[in-house]
Amino acid sequence: MMLLFMGIAHAVVTNTQVENPGVLIGSWNGSSGTPVGKYYVLTAKHVGGPINDPGCTAALPKGAVFKIGGKHYCIEKRDDHPTADISVLTINKTHNPDGFNSFVGVASSQNKVGDKTITGGFGYGAGQPTPKGYPWHGMYGYERWGENTINAVSSAYITTKFDNAPNESSAALYDSGSTLLTKDDCGNYVAIGVYVSTSSSTGFSAFGDRSYAVNLATHYAWIKSKVPDLESETYPQGDYTKDGFVDIQDFNYVASNFGKTTNVKDFNIVSSFFGKKECK
């Protein structure tokens, strides 16, 4: 049975010496979120949270506050997706005119099973290991990071599985809204999913448990409509199918449209850039 918590943390790890990408995950309403634009935060819709608190200022944070990197940001607006479990928060530019110092792009093309991912959150950490998994332990509200690989992909969700590999992580309580990140070819972090649920029983992450993240590529157009400065990976030259890669599908596209919209020059472009994925 898949469980949905008010907050879910991707924070149970077998080895805490995992890569930390820096100030990319913050806390919101007891859970998590990630800046995806100078004034915008992506989180899970079911996390909720108060907005436009008249008593909130950068100097006196109160109520509707997103916290990241030791700073507080007042939230003046929350846009909820009509069907998917994601929301975009807008910070108050009057109280926080400089916005965020760093933010991530969002994937506009689908990732694949086996791709490596990294994520952080503010939920419970791991207790002492057992033959079957890890009990949740310690205090929530502390930033923790872990890794995994994509186990399954659908238009709705990206799924990861807890296999007890080094540095691997699984979902726990109080980190819904944390983003599932991957790297583009230039080493930049890109958000591919927002964690919203887990198959784990409350208090314990068993080996084989799965965590579920809303597939952001499916909802890229909606996110872009709410985040004007949203970034994504760029398409490489020769990627006629716009799937992020130059592969056999692009040869097929050129062949099927030869003499209409493509020619020999297009075949040469695909040949020159075959296997490439471009990034910013």
Protein backbone atom coordinates (compact mmCIF):
# COMPACT_ATOMS: atom_id res chain seq x y z
CA MET A 1 0.00 0.00 0.00
CA MET A 2 1.33 3.43 -0.89
CA LEU A 3 1.26 5.86 2.01
CA LEU A 4 0.94 9.62 1.67
CA PHE A 5 2.22 11.70 4.55
CA MET A 6 1.91 15.39 5.38
CA GLY A 7 5.69 15.41 5.16
CA ILE A 8 8.00 12.76 3.72
CA ALA A 9 11.76 12.79 4.04
CA HIS A 10 14.26 11.25 1.75
CA ALA A 11 16.79 11.01 4.53
CA VAL A 12 17.47 7.41 5.53
CA VAL A 13 20.95 6.67 4.19
CA THR A 14 23.40 3.82 4.59
CA ASN A 15 26.39 6.16 4.36
CA THR A 16 26.06 9.86 5.13
CA GLN A 17 29.25 10.85 3.27
CA VAL A 18 27.23 11.64 0.17
CA GLU A 19 27.71 14.55 -2.22
CA ASN A 20 26.00 17.71 -1.00
CA PRO A 21 25.21 20.07 -3.87
CA GLY A 22 24.99 23.13 -1.62
CA VAL A 23 22.08 25.44 -0.88
CA LEU A 24 19.37 23.85 -3.02
CA ILE A 25 16.87 22.46 -0.51
CA GLY A 26 14.95 24.55 2.03
CA SER A 27 12.20 24.01 4.58
CA TRP A 28 8.56 25.03 4.12
CA ASN A 29 5.66 24.40 6.50
CA GLY A 30 7.51 21.57 8.26
CA SER A 31 8.53 19.93 4.98
CA SER A 32 10.73 20.89 2.02
CA GLY A 33 11.01 22.88 -1.19
CA THR A 34 13.55 23.89 -3.83
CA PRO A 35 14.15 27.27 -5.51
CA VAL A 36 13.55 26.94 -9.28
CA GLY A 37 13.69 30.65 -10.13
CA LYS A 38 14.97 33.86 -8.58
CA TYR A 39 11.67 34.33 -6.72
CA TYR A 40 10.05 30.89 -6.95
CA VAL A 41 10.01 27.63 -4.96
CA LEU A 42 8.76 24.21 -6.05
CA THR A 43 7.18 21.96 -3.42
CA ALA A 44 4.46 19.33 -2.92
CA LYS A 45 0.86 20.56 -2.98
CA HIS A 46 -0.27 18.48 0.00
CA VAL A 47 2.30 20.28 2.20
CA GLY A 48 0.02 23.33 2.05
CA GLY A 49 1.19 26.27 4.15
CA PRO A 50 0.01 29.81 4.98
CA ILE A 51 0.68 32.62 2.51
CA ASN A 52 0.79 36.42 2.52
CA ASP A 53 1.12 36.77 6.30
CA PRO A 54 0.99 40.56 6.96
CA GLY A 55 3.38 40.12 9.88
CA CYS A 56 6.10 38.47 7.79
CA THR A 57 9.17 40.51 6.89
CA ALA A 58 12.74 39.50 6.13
CA ALA A 59 13.82 41.05 9.44
CA LEU A 60 10.92 39.52 11.38
CA PRO A 61 9.99 36.21 9.72
CA LYS A 62 6.60 34.97 10.77
CA GLY A 63 4.06 32.49 9.48
CA ALA A 64 4.52 32.05 5.74
CA VAL A 65 8.30 31.61 5.67
CA PHE A 66 10.56 29.55 3.41
CA LYS A 67 13.93 28.94 5.06
CA ILE A 68 17.14 28.14 3.16
CA GLY A 69 20.83 28.82 3.69
CA GLY A 70 20.22 30.59 6.97
CA LYS A 71 17.85 33.11 5.36
CA HIS A 72 14.08 33.56 5.60
CA TYR A 73 11.80 34.38 2.67
CA CYS A 74 8.19 35.53 3.03
CA ILE A 75 5.73 33.78 0.72
CA GLU A 76 3.01 35.90 -0.87
CA LYS A 77 1.45 33.40 -3.28
CA ARG A 78 0.97 29.66 -3.75
CA ASP A 79 -0.09 28.22 -7.10
CA ASP A 80 -1.39 24.64 -6.84
CA HIS A 81 -1.38 22.37 -9.87
CA PRO A 82 -4.99 21.39 -10.68
CA THR A 83 -4.28 17.63 -10.68
CA ALA A 84 -0.63 16.84 -9.79
CA ASP A 85 0.73 17.05 -6.23
CA ILE A 86 3.00 20.05 -6.86
CA SER A 87 2.86 23.75 -6.02
CA VAL A 88 4.87 26.84 -6.91
CA LEU A 89 5.49 29.37 -4.14
CA THR A 90 6.25 33.02 -4.91
CA ILE A 91 8.36 35.00 -2.44
CA ASN A 92 7.54 38.57 -1.51
CA LYS A 93 9.81 40.85 -3.58
CA THR A 94 9.24 43.79 -1.25
CA HIS A 95 10.68 41.93 1.73
CA ASN A 96 13.20 39.89 -0.29
CA PRO A 97 14.09 42.01 -3.35
CA ASP A 98 17.31 40.11 -4.14
CA GLY A 99 15.59 36.71 -4.33
CA PHE A 100 17.61 33.50 -4.22
CA ASN A 101 21.35 33.38 -4.88
CA SER A 102 21.06 30.00 -6.60
CA PHE A 103 18.29 27.82 -8.03
CA VAL A 104 17.97 24.73 -10.20
CA GLY A 105 16.52 24.12 -13.62
CA VAL A 106 13.63 21.74 -14.24
CA ALA A 107 13.75 18.84 -16.69
CA SER A 108 11.67 19.30 -19.83
CA SER A 109 12.46 15.83 -21.20
CA GLN A 110 11.94 12.43 -19.58
CA ASN A 111 14.68 10.63 -17.66
CA LYS A 112 15.30 6.89 -17.89
CA VAL A 113 15.38 3.87 -15.58
CA GLY A 114 18.89 3.53 -14.16
CA ASP A 115 19.73 7.25 -14.16
CA LYS A 116 21.55 8.37 -11.01
CA THR A 117 19.81 10.84 -8.70
CA ILE A 118 20.51 12.79 -5.53
CA THR A 119 18.08 14.38 -3.08
CA GLY A 120 18.00 16.15 0.26
CA GLY A 121 15.44 16.72 2.93
CA PHE A 122 14.61 17.75 6.48
CA GLY A 123 13.01 14.55 7.73
CA TYR A 124 14.06 11.77 10.07
CA GLY A 125 17.44 10.14 9.65
CA ALA A 126 18.51 6.51 9.90
CA GLY A 127 18.86 4.55 13.11
CA GLN A 128 20.97 1.43 13.53
CA PRO A 129 20.70 -0.93 10.55
CA THR A 130 18.81 -4.21 10.81
CA PRO A 131 18.77 -7.15 8.37
CA LYS A 132 15.50 -5.82 6.96
CA GLY A 133 16.19 -2.08 6.81
CA TYR A 134 16.54 1.06 8.91
CA PRO A 135 14.33 2.47 11.66
CA TRP A 136 13.75 6.21 11.55
CA HIS A 137 15.79 7.95 14.20
CA GLY A 138 16.72 11.34 15.62
CA MET A 139 15.12 14.72 15.11
CA TYR A 140 13.53 15.94 11.92
CA GLY A 141 14.26 19.45 10.70
CA TYR A 142 17.92 18.75 9.93
CA GLU A 143 19.16 18.72 6.35
CA ARG A 144 20.29 15.31 5.09
CA TRP A 145 21.29 14.05 1.63
CA GLY A 146 21.21 10.70 -0.11
CA GLU A 147 21.48 9.05 -3.52
CA ASN A 148 19.50 6.54 -5.55
CA THR A 149 18.82 5.44 -9.12
CA ILE A 150 15.55 5.59 -11.02
CA ASN A 151 13.66 2.31 -10.68
CA ALA A 152 10.61 3.13 -12.82
CA VAL A 153 9.24 6.02 -14.89
CA SER A 154 5.66 6.84 -15.85
CA SER A 155 4.09 10.09 -16.97
CA ALA A 156 2.81 10.56 -13.42
CA TYR A 157 5.72 9.44 -11.21
CA ILE A 158 9.43 8.71 -11.05
CA THR A 159 10.08 5.83 -8.64
CA THR A 160 13.22 5.00 -6.66
CA LYS A 161 13.86 1.78 -4.70
CA PHE A 162 15.78 1.31 -1.43
CA ASP A 163 18.31 -1.43 -2.15
CA ASN A 164 20.84 -0.93 0.67
CA ALA A 165 23.53 0.30 -1.73
CA PRO A 166 26.21 2.71 -0.40
CA ASN A 167 24.88 6.25 0.12
CA GLU A 168 21.40 5.14 -0.95
CA SER A 169 18.35 6.80 0.56
CA SER A 170 14.70 6.07 1.18
CA ALA A 171 11.67 8.13 2.16
CA ALA A 172 10.85 8.99 5.77
CA LEU A 173 8.57 11.51 7.47
CA TYR A 174 8.72 15.33 7.00
CA ASP A 175 10.21 15.87 3.59
CA SER A 176 7.44 15.98 1.02
CA GLY A 177 8.39 18.63 -1.48
CA SER A 178 12.07 17.72 -1.69
CA THR A 179 13.27 17.49 -5.27
CA LEU A 180 14.83 14.54 -6.99
CA LEU A 181 17.89 15.95 -8.75
CA THR A 182 20.17 14.76 -11.53
CA LYS A 183 23.08 16.39 -13.37
CA ASP A 184 23.25 17.55 -16.96
CA ASP A 185 26.38 17.03 -19.05
CA CYS A 186 27.94 20.22 -17.69
CA GLY A 187 27.49 19.10 -14.08
CA ASN A 188 24.55 21.44 -13.34
CA TYR A 189 21.76 20.13 -11.12
CA VAL A 190 18.32 19.72 -12.69
CA ALA A 191 15.11 18.87 -10.81
CA ILE A 192 13.34 15.87 -12.32
CA GLY A 193 10.79 15.06 -9.61
CA VAL A 194 9.15 16.19 -6.35
CA TYR A 195 8.82 13.52 -3.68
CA VAL A 196 5.26 13.05 -2.44
CA SER A 197 4.83 9.50 -1.11
CA THR A 198 6.45 6.24 -0.02
CA SER A 199 5.58 2.58 0.40
CA SER A 200 7.38 2.50 3.78
CA SER A 201 5.52 1.93 7.01
CA THR A 202 5.72 4.85 9.43
CA GLY A 203 8.91 4.60 11.46
CA PHE A 204 10.82 2.09 9.31
CA SER A 205 12.35 1.97 5.82
CA ALA A 206 12.68 -1.61 4.63
CA PHE A 207 14.93 -2.78 1.84
CA GLY A 208 12.80 -2.92 -1.28
CA ASP A 209 10.61 0.04 -0.28
CA ARG A 210 9.81 2.53 -3.01
CA SER A 211 9.56 6.32 -3.02
CA TYR A 212 7.45 8.25 -5.51
CA ALA A 213 8.16 11.66 -7.04
CA VAL A 214 5.87 13.64 -9.33
CA ASN A 215 7.42 13.54 -12.82
CA LEU A 216 8.25 17.20 -13.54
CA ALA A 217 8.88 16.80 -17.28
CA THR A 218 5.20 15.92 -17.65
CA HIS A 219 4.23 19.23 -16.04
CA TYR A 220 7.01 21.42 -17.43
CA ALA A 221 4.65 23.71 -19.37
CA TRP A 222 2.54 24.39 -16.25
CA ILE A 223 5.63 25.09 -14.12
CA LYS A 224 6.99 27.40 -16.84
CA SER A 225 3.71 29.32 -16.80
CA LYS A 226 4.26 30.09 -13.10
CA VAL A 227 8.04 30.62 -13.18
CA PRO A 228 9.00 33.10 -15.94
CA ASP A 229 12.76 32.59 -15.49
CA LEU A 230 12.55 28.79 -15.37
CA GLU A 231 15.56 27.06 -16.88
CA SER A 232 15.71 23.63 -18.49
CA GLU A 233 18.28 21.54 -20.24
CA THR A 234 18.83 22.71 -23.80
CA TYR A 235 18.37 20.43 -26.79
CA PRO A 236 21.59 19.34 -28.53
CA GLN A 237 22.18 20.03 -32.18
CA GLY A 238 20.84 17.09 -34.14
CA ASP A 239 18.08 16.31 -31.60
CA TYR A 240 15.21 16.49 -34.10
CA THR A 241 12.85 14.54 -31.82
CA LYS A 242 13.48 16.91 -28.87
CA ASP A 243 13.99 14.13 -26.34
CA GLY A 244 17.30 15.50 -25.05
CA PHE A 245 19.51 13.00 -26.93
CA VAL A 246 20.89 12.54 -30.43
CA ASP A 247 20.17 8.89 -31.21
CA ILE A 248 18.70 6.47 -33.74
CA GLN A 249 15.29 8.13 -33.38
CA ASP A 250 16.74 11.28 -34.91
CA PHE A 251 18.06 9.32 -37.90
CA ASN A 252 14.57 7.86 -38.32
CA TYR A 253 13.01 11.32 -38.14
CA VAL A 254 15.36 12.71 -40.79
CA ALA A 255 14.75 9.69 -43.04
CA SER A 256 10.96 9.85 -42.73
CA ASN A 257 10.94 13.56 -43.58
CA PHE A 258 13.67 13.49 -46.23
CA GLY A 259 12.87 15.73 -49.18
CA LYS A 260 10.16 17.51 -47.21
CA THR A 261 11.72 19.23 -44.19
CA THR A 262 15.10 17.42 -44.05
CA ASN A 263 17.97 16.71 -46.43
CA VAL A 264 21.53 15.33 -46.57
CA LYS A 265 22.76 18.16 -44.35
CA ASP A 266 20.45 16.91 -41.57
CA PHE A 267 21.87 13.38 -41.86
CA ASN A 268 25.36 14.84 -41.47
CA ILE A 269 24.33 16.82 -38.38
CA VAL A 270 22.90 13.74 -36.67
CA SER A 271 26.05 11.79 -37.54
CA SER A 272 28.32 14.50 -36.14
CA PHE A 273 26.46 14.83 -32.83
CA PHE A 274 25.27 11.24 -32.36
CA GLY A 275 25.18 10.27 -28.67
CA LYS A 276 25.39 13.85 -27.42
CA LYS A 277 23.31 15.61 -24.80
CA GLU A 278 23.76 19.35 -24.59
CA CYS A 279 23.57 21.47 -21.47
CA LYS A 280 23.78 25.12 -20.50
